[in-house]
Amino acid sequence: MRHVTFVRPALGEGPSADAMTPLVFAILRELTPPEIATTLIDERIEPFAPVPTDLVAMTVETFTARRAWEIADAYRARGVPVVVGGHHPSMVPEEAEAHADAVVIGDGEAVWGEILRDAANGRLKPRYEAAVGAGPRPAPDRSIFVGKRYAPVSLVQVGRGCRFACDFCSIHAFYGTHREQRPVAEVVAEIETLPSGRMIFFVDDNLLFRRDRFEALMRGLAPLKRRWSCQISIDVARDDRLLDLMAAAGCALVLIGFESLRRDNLKQMRKNWNGVAGAYDDVIARLRARGIMLYGTFVFGYDADRPEDFETTARFAEAMGMAIANFNPLTPMPGTGLIARLAEEGRLLRPTWWLDPAHRYGDAIFRPLGMSADELRDGPTAARAIFYGFRSIAARALRGLPRWGVVNTGLMLLANFVSRREIARKQAAPLAARKDPDPTGEGAPCGSP
């Protein structure tokens, strides 16, 4: 075993302006013996340019599954073994086994050493099941990203899992009730090695793991004087002390899943706890008072939704001065309670939509009750057009400037213009748009000499 190629497939055509570093590969690089060379091919930011290799390791998301299987099939046709992991293969291992020599179920670092030994001996197992929480949690070796143009944000992971169990969430499907966090001192030590001028984004699905540990993390971050952002549950906003600690620790932006303005929808998605912090406008006011920008996410297609909700929601996000917002059609992901319920109700239009060549990004995948499938497809686009219109962007920036400051407002403007571009690039695009049927290129030397 001399060389491993890591591959991150892309969604659709063209480079992505908001691609961030795939942290999983930096972790696997750290766990790879130094005598084994590694190459990262990230289709989101660069053309697919294969090199001679002994093993291919690929992380597969549901939206990139078709492209991943194209790449995997091409490598295997040339005699190069392929191992795949990530949320998608973990949820549908039988599908993945048709395109890979080995499928990892769970977090890959727990079994990576075993995979390398087995691959070197030519005896890869069809499946490697990683016990949740069993693997090492090393600091990532970010040297694998050198020379690649990613968004200027440093990603850090504190923990895994979430306290909640929303029925649309693939994170709960993957981790179940398991939750874990790294020691604060370890996280702080990692951050101290990162470029000082960059925003840090904590990739945890919910940074608010437990109150005492959250407070300890905030106390550890405060002396670093770094600006950071995170995903967090809305219940943090009912606690003024936690909000004050976040602001003092350098929090610039939080991503909160508001999901819907309709209470019936929140109950159906098992997220009725979204009301514990009070009305949405009260939550937003508490964040605004501390100069923390807000990235709000909304989803449409639950049973109480109606066609007028697209504009109503976009106007709400605009009026609340959200720095960024996302408006998406409800997407049933494999392994979730949502896809099981819709299948049982006979409402899935494309049960394996991620493999369907006719599927386009943004298409409705099921029959909603309160609107047509076409309205569910077009409504989020209309909401984005309102929120990301030039006048809306300018108005929100001017309104936020006194509290956010010049630097953060500049980042907000950049994020809005990047979002406009990415929305236009992906909307209605096929999930695996490539001109060449052989993604390695005709005659490309995939295997080791």
Protein backbone atom coordinates (compact mmCIF):
# COMPACT_ATOMS: atom_id res chain seq x y z
CA MET A 1 0.00 0.00 0.00
CA ARG A 2 1.71 3.14 -1.25
CA HIS A 3 -1.03 5.59 -2.10
CA VAL A 4 -4.63 6.44 -1.13
CA THR A 5 -6.88 8.82 -3.07
CA PHE A 6 -9.66 10.60 -1.21
CA VAL A 7 -12.57 11.72 -3.38
CA ARG A 8 -15.32 14.24 -2.64
CA PRO A 9 -17.93 14.07 -5.46
CA ALA A 10 -19.73 17.22 -6.57
CA LEU A 11 -23.37 18.10 -7.06
CA GLY A 12 -24.07 19.23 -10.63
CA GLU A 13 -21.77 21.12 -12.95
CA GLY A 14 -19.27 23.91 -12.31
CA PRO A 15 -17.18 24.91 -9.30
CA SER A 16 -18.86 25.80 -6.04
CA ALA A 17 -18.20 29.23 -4.57
CA ASP A 18 -19.02 28.16 -1.02
CA ALA A 19 -17.24 24.80 -0.76
CA MET A 20 -15.63 24.24 2.63
CA THR A 21 -12.88 21.83 3.57
CA PRO A 22 -14.07 18.19 3.88
CA LEU A 23 -12.88 17.70 7.44
CA VAL A 24 -13.31 13.91 7.39
CA PHE A 25 -10.39 13.52 4.99
CA ALA A 26 -8.08 15.60 7.17
CA ILE A 27 -8.95 13.29 10.06
CA LEU A 28 -8.27 10.18 7.95
CA ARG A 29 -4.99 11.71 6.74
CA GLU A 30 -3.91 12.13 10.36
CA LEU A 31 -4.70 8.43 10.95
CA THR A 32 -2.84 7.28 7.83
CA PRO A 33 0.76 6.08 8.36
CA PRO A 34 3.26 8.65 7.02
CA GLU A 35 4.73 6.17 4.55
CA ILE A 36 1.39 6.07 2.68
CA ALA A 37 0.97 9.03 0.33
CA THR A 38 -2.46 10.62 -0.06
CA THR A 39 -4.20 12.76 -2.66
CA LEU A 40 -7.48 14.63 -2.27
CA ILE A 41 -9.70 15.18 -5.31
CA ASP A 42 -12.57 17.53 -4.49
CA GLU A 43 -14.82 17.93 -7.52
CA ARG A 44 -16.55 20.91 -5.96
CA ILE A 45 -13.50 23.09 -6.54
CA GLU A 46 -11.36 21.35 -9.17
CA PRO A 47 -11.60 19.15 -12.26
CA PHE A 48 -11.47 15.43 -11.70
CA ALA A 49 -7.80 14.58 -12.32
CA PRO A 50 -7.00 11.01 -11.22
CA VAL A 51 -3.53 9.84 -10.27
CA PRO A 52 -2.10 6.32 -9.92
CA THR A 53 -3.38 4.94 -6.64
CA ASP A 54 -3.82 1.74 -4.64
CA LEU A 55 -7.09 2.60 -2.91
CA VAL A 56 -9.92 5.12 -3.29
CA ALA A 57 -11.85 6.34 -0.25
CA MET A 58 -14.96 8.37 -0.88
CA THR A 59 -17.47 10.14 1.34
CA VAL A 60 -20.97 9.96 -0.13
CA GLU A 61 -23.91 12.27 0.56
CA THR A 62 -27.37 11.49 -0.74
CA PHE A 63 -27.33 14.42 -3.18
CA THR A 64 -24.01 13.24 -4.64
CA ALA A 65 -24.72 9.50 -4.65
CA ARG A 66 -25.26 9.15 -8.41
CA ARG A 67 -21.99 10.91 -9.19
CA ALA A 68 -20.20 8.90 -6.49
CA TRP A 69 -21.34 5.62 -8.00
CA GLU A 70 -20.17 6.78 -11.46
CA ILE A 71 -16.70 7.48 -10.09
CA ALA A 72 -16.57 4.30 -8.02
CA ASP A 73 -17.64 2.12 -10.96
CA ALA A 74 -14.96 3.66 -13.19
CA TYR A 75 -12.18 3.05 -10.67
CA ARG A 76 -13.27 -0.53 -10.03
CA ALA A 77 -13.45 -1.22 -13.76
CA ARG A 78 -9.72 -0.42 -13.82
CA GLY A 79 -8.94 -2.68 -10.90
CA VAL A 80 -8.69 -0.05 -8.16
CA PRO A 81 -10.55 -1.00 -4.95
CA VAL A 82 -13.02 1.54 -3.59
CA VAL A 83 -14.23 2.06 -0.03
CA VAL A 84 -17.19 4.37 0.63
CA GLY A 85 -18.56 5.87 3.81
CA GLY A 86 -20.69 8.72 5.09
CA HIS A 87 -24.35 9.15 5.93
CA HIS A 88 -25.71 7.79 2.67
CA PRO A 89 -23.88 4.44 2.56
CA SER A 90 -24.63 3.98 6.26
CA MET A 91 -28.36 4.32 5.57
CA VAL A 92 -28.46 2.24 2.35
CA PRO A 93 -25.49 -0.16 2.55
CA GLU A 94 -27.00 -2.59 0.03
CA GLU A 95 -27.10 0.15 -2.59
CA ALA A 96 -23.51 1.14 -1.81
CA GLU A 97 -22.26 -2.46 -1.98
CA ALA A 98 -23.19 -2.59 -5.67
CA HIS A 99 -20.60 0.10 -6.38
CA ALA A 100 -17.85 -0.42 -3.79
CA ASP A 101 -15.49 -3.09 -2.54
CA ALA A 102 -16.12 -2.03 1.05
CA VAL A 103 -18.81 -0.01 2.79
CA VAL A 104 -18.24 1.76 6.12
CA ILE A 105 -21.27 2.04 8.36
CA GLY A 106 -20.76 4.74 10.97
CA ASP A 107 -17.79 7.05 11.53
CA GLY A 108 -14.88 5.93 9.37
CA GLU A 109 -11.98 6.79 11.69
CA ALA A 110 -12.93 3.93 14.02
CA VAL A 111 -12.10 1.36 11.33
CA TRP A 112 -9.65 3.23 9.08
CA GLY A 113 -6.56 1.45 10.35
CA GLU A 114 -8.20 -1.92 9.79
CA ILE A 115 -9.26 -0.90 6.27
CA LEU A 116 -5.70 0.10 5.34
CA ARG A 117 -4.29 -3.21 6.62
CA ASP A 118 -6.94 -5.25 4.82
CA ALA A 119 -6.48 -3.30 1.58
CA ALA A 120 -2.70 -3.79 1.72
CA ASN A 121 -3.28 -7.55 2.04
CA GLY A 122 -5.90 -7.61 -0.73
CA ARG A 123 -8.63 -8.75 1.68
CA LEU A 124 -11.11 -5.90 2.08
CA LYS A 125 -14.30 -6.91 3.86
CA PRO A 126 -17.64 -6.01 2.22
CA ARG A 127 -18.66 -4.06 5.34
CA TYR A 128 -16.96 -2.33 8.24
CA GLU A 129 -19.31 -1.39 11.06
CA ALA A 130 -17.96 1.25 13.38
CA ALA A 131 -19.41 1.25 16.88
CA VAL A 132 -20.76 4.72 17.62
CA GLY A 133 -18.22 6.69 19.64
CA ALA A 134 -15.56 3.97 19.38
CA GLY A 135 -13.11 5.73 17.11
CA PRO A 136 -10.25 8.10 17.93
CA ARG A 137 -10.86 11.84 17.60
CA PRO A 138 -7.50 13.20 16.42
CA ALA A 139 -6.86 16.78 15.43
CA PRO A 140 -7.20 16.94 11.63
CA ASP A 141 -4.11 17.05 9.41
CA ARG A 142 -5.11 20.02 7.28
CA SER A 143 -2.01 19.76 5.10
CA ILE A 144 -4.18 17.76 2.72
CA PHE A 145 -5.97 21.01 1.79
CA VAL A 146 -2.82 22.97 0.88
CA GLY A 147 -3.05 24.52 -2.58
CA LYS A 148 -6.83 24.14 -2.84
CA ARG A 149 -9.20 27.09 -2.96
CA TYR A 150 -11.90 26.66 -0.35
CA ALA A 151 -14.08 29.28 1.30
CA PRO A 152 -11.95 31.22 3.83
CA VAL A 153 -13.51 29.55 6.87
CA SER A 154 -11.80 27.16 9.29
CA LEU A 155 -13.97 24.19 10.27
CA VAL A 156 -13.75 22.70 13.75
CA GLN A 157 -15.76 19.88 15.26
CA VAL A 158 -16.42 19.80 18.99
CA GLY A 159 -18.92 16.96 19.18
CA ARG A 160 -21.30 14.68 17.33
CA GLY A 161 -24.97 13.90 17.61
CA CYS A 162 -27.93 16.04 18.66
CA ARG A 163 -30.22 16.17 21.67
CA PHE A 164 -33.32 16.19 19.49
CA ALA A 165 -34.97 13.76 17.06
CA CYS A 166 -36.67 15.74 14.28
CA ASP A 167 -38.30 13.36 11.81
CA PHE A 168 -36.58 14.85 8.74
CA CYS A 169 -33.08 14.76 10.23
CA SER A 170 -30.45 12.38 8.87
CA ILE A 171 -28.17 13.16 11.84
CA HIS A 172 -30.55 11.43 14.24
CA ALA A 173 -30.86 8.55 11.78
CA PHE A 174 -27.06 8.23 11.79
CA TYR A 175 -26.22 8.72 15.47
CA GLY A 176 -29.47 7.83 17.21
CA THR A 177 -29.34 8.97 20.82
CA HIS A 178 -25.53 8.97 20.99
CA ARG A 179 -23.83 12.28 21.80
CA GLU A 180 -20.23 13.08 22.58
CA GLN A 181 -17.88 16.04 22.89
CA ARG A 182 -14.13 16.53 22.82
CA PRO A 183 -12.39 18.09 25.85
CA VAL A 184 -12.39 21.88 25.72
CA ALA A 185 -8.61 22.08 26.09
CA GLU A 186 -8.21 19.90 23.00
CA VAL A 187 -10.56 22.11 20.96
CA VAL A 188 -8.78 25.28 22.10
CA ALA A 189 -5.38 23.82 21.23
CA GLU A 190 -6.61 23.00 17.72
CA ILE A 191 -8.03 26.50 17.19
CA GLU A 192 -4.72 28.07 18.24
CA THR A 193 -3.08 26.39 15.22
CA LEU A 194 -5.55 27.89 12.72
CA PRO A 195 -5.02 31.11 10.69
CA SER A 196 -5.82 34.02 12.97
CA GLY A 197 -7.80 36.13 10.51
CA ARG A 198 -10.35 33.50 9.53
CA MET A 199 -13.84 32.92 10.77
CA ILE A 200 -14.22 29.59 12.56
CA PHE A 201 -17.31 27.49 11.92
CA PHE A 202 -18.18 24.77 14.41
CA VAL A 203 -19.66 22.01 12.27
CA ASP A 204 -21.51 20.35 15.16
CA ASP A 205 -25.15 19.82 14.34
CA ASN A 206 -25.97 21.41 17.68
CA LEU A 207 -23.19 23.10 19.64
CA LEU A 208 -25.40 23.24 22.76
CA PHE A 209 -24.59 19.74 24.00
CA ARG A 210 -25.07 20.23 27.74
CA ARG A 211 -25.20 23.46 29.68
CA ASP A 212 -22.13 22.89 31.86
CA ARG A 213 -19.99 21.79 28.90
CA PHE A 214 -21.25 24.66 26.77
CA GLU A 215 -20.29 27.17 29.45
CA ALA A 216 -16.85 25.55 29.73
CA LEU A 217 -16.40 25.81 25.96
CA MET A 218 -17.37 29.50 25.97
CA ARG A 219 -14.89 30.21 28.76
CA GLY A 220 -12.20 28.40 26.78
CA LEU A 221 -12.91 30.35 23.60
CA ALA A 222 -13.09 33.84 25.12
CA PRO A 223 -9.32 34.40 25.60
CA LEU A 224 -8.64 33.42 21.96
CA LYS A 225 -10.37 36.58 20.65
CA ARG A 226 -11.56 34.73 17.56
CA ARG A 227 -14.76 35.26 15.55
CA TRP A 228 -16.79 32.12 15.13
CA SER A 229 -20.16 30.78 14.01
CA CYS A 230 -22.12 27.62 14.74
CA GLN A 231 -25.32 25.66 14.39
CA ILE A 232 -27.35 25.70 17.57
CA SER A 233 -30.84 24.91 18.81
CA ILE A 234 -33.23 27.77 19.47
CA ASP A 235 -33.50 27.01 23.20
CA VAL A 236 -30.17 28.76 23.77
CA ALA A 237 -32.04 32.05 23.36
CA ARG A 238 -34.12 31.57 26.49
CA ASP A 239 -30.99 31.83 28.61
CA ASP A 240 -29.50 35.32 28.80
CA ARG A 241 -26.38 34.06 30.57
CA LEU A 242 -25.56 31.66 27.73
CA LEU A 243 -26.13 34.38 25.14
CA ASP A 244 -23.84 36.75 27.05
CA LEU A 245 -21.16 34.07 27.24
CA MET A 246 -21.44 33.45 23.49
CA ALA A 247 -21.07 37.13 22.69
CA ALA A 248 -18.06 37.48 25.02
CA ALA A 249 -16.48 34.39 23.43
CA GLY A 250 -16.59 35.92 19.94
CA CYS A 251 -19.75 34.47 18.43
CA ALA A 252 -20.51 36.35 15.20
CA LEU A 253 -23.30 34.24 13.71
CA VAL A 254 -25.59 31.38 14.65
CA LEU A 255 -27.52 29.07 12.36
CA ILE A 256 -30.91 28.19 13.82
CA GLY A 257 -33.49 25.92 12.24
CA PHE A 258 -36.74 27.84 12.59
CA GLU A 259 -38.22 25.47 9.95
CA SER A 260 -41.78 26.82 9.90
CA LEU A 261 -43.99 29.68 11.08
CA ARG A 262 -46.86 27.20 11.53
CA ARG A 263 -47.20 25.50 14.90
CA ASP A 264 -48.89 22.43 13.40
CA ASN A 265 -45.89 21.83 11.19
CA LEU A 266 -43.46 22.03 14.11
CA LYS A 267 -45.53 19.46 15.95
CA GLN A 268 -45.61 17.14 12.94
CA MET A 269 -41.84 17.31 12.46
CA ARG A 270 -41.36 16.65 16.18
CA LYS A 271 -39.86 20.09 16.69
CA ASN A 272 -42.59 21.72 18.75
CA TRP A 273 -39.87 22.44 21.34
CA ASN A 274 -38.93 25.33 19.01
CA GLY A 275 -41.33 27.44 21.08
CA VAL A 276 -39.51 27.03 24.40
CA ALA A 277 -37.51 30.23 23.93
CA GLY A 278 -40.59 32.32 23.17
CA ALA A 279 -41.87 33.85 19.95
CA TYR A 280 -39.45 33.90 17.04
CA ASP A 281 -39.24 37.69 17.02
CA ASP A 282 -38.26 37.65 20.72
CA VAL A 283 -35.50 35.14 20.01
CA ILE A 284 -34.17 37.26 17.17
CA ALA A 285 -34.28 40.41 19.28
CA ARG A 286 -32.13 38.76 21.97
CA LEU A 287 -29.51 37.79 19.43
CA ARG A 288 -29.61 41.21 17.76
CA ALA A 289 -29.10 42.95 21.12
CA ARG A 290 -25.77 41.15 21.45
CA GLY A 291 -24.61 41.83 17.90
CA ILE A 292 -24.92 38.17 16.87
CA MET A 293 -25.96 37.67 13.26
CA LEU A 294 -28.61 35.10 12.42
CA TYR A 295 -28.75 32.47 9.70
CA GLY A 296 -32.31 31.16 9.69
CA THR A 297 -33.41 28.01 7.88
CA PHE A 298 -36.94 27.15 6.78
CA VAL A 299 -38.46 24.09 5.15
CA PHE A 300 -41.71 23.79 3.20
CA GLY A 301 -43.95 20.84 2.44
CA TYR A 302 -45.35 19.74 5.77
CA ASP A 303 -49.08 19.15 5.86
CA ALA A 304 -50.12 22.57 7.18
CA ASP A 305 -48.17 24.52 4.56
CA ARG A 306 -50.05 26.51 1.93
CA PRO A 307 -48.81 28.32 -1.23
CA GLU A 308 -48.90 31.73 0.45
CA ASP A 309 -46.39 30.58 3.09
CA PHE A 310 -43.42 30.99 0.77
CA GLU A 311 -43.78 34.75 0.51
CA THR A 312 -44.93 35.11 4.12
CA THR A 313 -41.83 33.32 5.39
CA ALA A 314 -39.43 35.24 3.14
CA ARG A 315 -40.94 38.55 4.24
CA PHE A 316 -40.65 37.47 7.87
CA ALA A 317 -36.94 36.64 7.48
CA GLU A 318 -36.43 39.94 5.70
CA ALA A 319 -38.31 41.96 8.32
CA MET A 320 -36.40 40.28 11.13
CA GLY A 321 -33.12 41.36 9.55
CA MET A 322 -31.69 37.87 9.22
CA ALA A 323 -28.18 37.99 7.84
CA ILE A 324 -28.69 34.81 5.80
CA ALA A 325 -31.67 32.53 5.28
CA ASN A 326 -32.33 29.25 3.56
CA PHE A 327 -35.69 28.23 2.08
CA ASN A 328 -35.86 24.60 1.03
CA PRO A 329 -38.46 22.07 -0.08
CA LEU A 330 -38.84 19.22 2.39
CA THR A 331 -36.49 16.45 1.27
CA PRO A 332 -37.07 12.91 2.61
CA MET A 333 -33.64 11.39 3.21
CA PRO A 334 -32.98 7.65 3.47
CA GLY A 335 -33.10 6.28 6.99
CA THR A 336 -35.25 9.09 8.41
CA GLY A 337 -38.68 8.82 9.99
CA LEU A 338 -39.95 11.23 7.35
CA ILE A 339 -39.22 9.00 4.36
CA ALA A 340 -40.69 5.99 6.17
CA ARG A 341 -43.91 7.89 6.92
CA LEU A 342 -44.31 9.22 3.39
CA ALA A 343 -43.67 5.75 1.94
CA GLU A 344 -46.29 4.26 4.24
CA GLU A 345 -48.77 6.94 3.16
CA GLY A 346 -48.01 6.24 -0.53
CA ARG A 347 -46.96 9.85 -1.18
CA LEU A 348 -43.44 9.38 -2.51
CA LEU A 349 -43.19 10.37 -6.16
CA ARG A 350 -39.61 9.07 -6.45
CA PRO A 351 -38.74 6.64 -3.63
CA THR A 352 -35.04 6.63 -4.60
CA TRP A 353 -34.93 10.15 -6.01
CA TRP A 354 -31.15 10.42 -5.64
CA LEU A 355 -30.70 7.71 -8.31
CA ASP A 356 -33.36 8.97 -10.72
CA PRO A 357 -31.76 10.57 -13.83
CA ALA A 358 -34.91 12.65 -14.32
CA HIS A 359 -34.66 14.26 -10.88
CA ARG A 360 -33.51 17.86 -10.74
CA TYR A 361 -32.29 19.80 -7.75
CA GLY A 362 -35.30 21.38 -6.07
CA ASP A 363 -37.91 19.01 -7.55
CA ALA A 364 -40.69 17.84 -5.25
CA ILE A 365 -40.08 14.26 -4.13
CA PHE A 366 -43.50 13.62 -2.64
CA ARG A 367 -47.09 14.78 -2.91
CA PRO A 368 -47.73 17.57 -0.38
CA LEU A 369 -51.23 17.97 1.04
CA GLY A 370 -51.67 21.75 1.01
CA MET A 371 -50.28 22.55 -2.43
CA SER A 372 -49.27 20.93 -5.70
CA ALA A 373 -45.90 19.31 -6.32
CA ASP A 374 -45.08 22.10 -8.78
CA GLU A 375 -45.87 24.73 -6.15
CA LEU A 376 -43.55 22.97 -3.71
CA ARG A 377 -40.83 23.00 -6.36
CA ASP A 378 -41.24 26.66 -7.33
CA GLY A 379 -42.16 28.23 -3.99
CA PRO A 380 -38.72 28.08 -2.31
CA THR A 381 -37.18 29.67 -5.40
CA ALA A 382 -39.66 32.53 -5.14
CA ALA A 383 -38.84 32.96 -1.44
CA ARG A 384 -35.11 33.09 -2.20
CA ALA A 385 -35.72 35.68 -4.92
CA ILE A 386 -37.38 37.94 -2.36
CA PHE A 387 -34.77 37.51 0.37
CA TYR A 388 -31.73 37.65 -1.92
CA GLY A 389 -32.92 40.55 -4.04
CA PHE A 390 -30.40 43.39 -4.15
CA ARG A 391 -32.68 45.79 -2.28
CA SER A 392 -33.28 43.24 0.46
CA ILE A 393 -29.57 42.55 0.85
CA ALA A 394 -28.74 46.26 1.05
CA ALA A 395 -31.55 47.00 3.51
CA ARG A 396 -30.57 44.17 5.83
CA ALA A 397 -26.91 45.17 5.73
CA LEU A 398 -27.66 48.79 6.57
CA ARG A 399 -29.97 47.76 9.38
CA GLY A 400 -27.43 45.37 10.87
CA LEU A 401 -24.32 47.52 10.48
CA PRO A 402 -24.63 49.42 13.80
CA ARG A 403 -24.73 46.16 15.78
CA TRP A 404 -22.69 43.80 13.61
CA GLY A 405 -19.84 46.16 12.82
CA VAL A 406 -18.05 46.71 9.53
CA VAL A 407 -16.21 43.37 9.33
CA ASN A 408 -19.18 41.17 10.09
CA THR A 409 -21.44 43.20 7.82
CA GLY A 410 -18.89 42.76 5.05
CA LEU A 411 -18.98 39.00 5.62
CA MET A 412 -22.78 39.10 5.53
CA LEU A 413 -22.74 40.87 2.16
CA LEU A 414 -20.25 38.38 0.74
CA ALA A 415 -22.31 35.43 2.00
CA ASN A 416 -25.47 36.84 0.41
CA PHE A 417 -23.88 37.31 -2.99
CA VAL A 418 -22.32 33.84 -2.85
CA SER A 419 -25.73 32.42 -1.94
CA ARG A 420 -27.30 34.14 -4.94
CA ARG A 421 -24.73 32.55 -7.21
CA GLU A 422 -25.02 29.07 -5.71
CA ILE A 423 -28.83 29.13 -5.85
CA ALA A 424 -28.69 29.96 -9.54
CA ARG A 425 -26.04 27.31 -10.19
CA LYS A 426 -27.83 24.41 -8.53
CA GLN A 427 -31.53 25.08 -9.04
CA ALA A 428 -33.10 22.65 -11.54
CA ALA A 429 -29.71 21.07 -12.28
CA PRO A 430 -29.34 17.27 -12.58
CA LEU A 431 -27.61 15.69 -9.60
CA ALA A 432 -24.88 14.08 -11.71
CA ALA A 433 -24.34 16.31 -14.74
CA ARG A 434 -21.19 15.18 -16.50
CA LYS A 435 -20.36 14.99 -20.20
CA ASP A 436 -18.00 12.05 -19.86
CA PRO A 437 -19.47 8.63 -19.00
CA ASP A 438 -16.07 7.65 -17.60
CA PRO A 439 -15.34 10.19 -14.84
CA THR A 440 -11.67 9.20 -14.70
CA GLY A 441 -11.17 10.30 -18.31
CA GLU A 442 -10.46 8.07 -21.27
CA GLY A 443 -7.24 6.19 -20.72
CA ALA A 444 -6.43 7.95 -17.43
CA PRO A 445 -4.01 5.94 -15.29
CA CYS A 446 -6.14 5.15 -12.24
CA GLY A 447 -4.27 2.13 -10.98
CA SER A 448 -0.76 2.04 -9.57
CA PRO A 449 1.92 1.06 -12.07
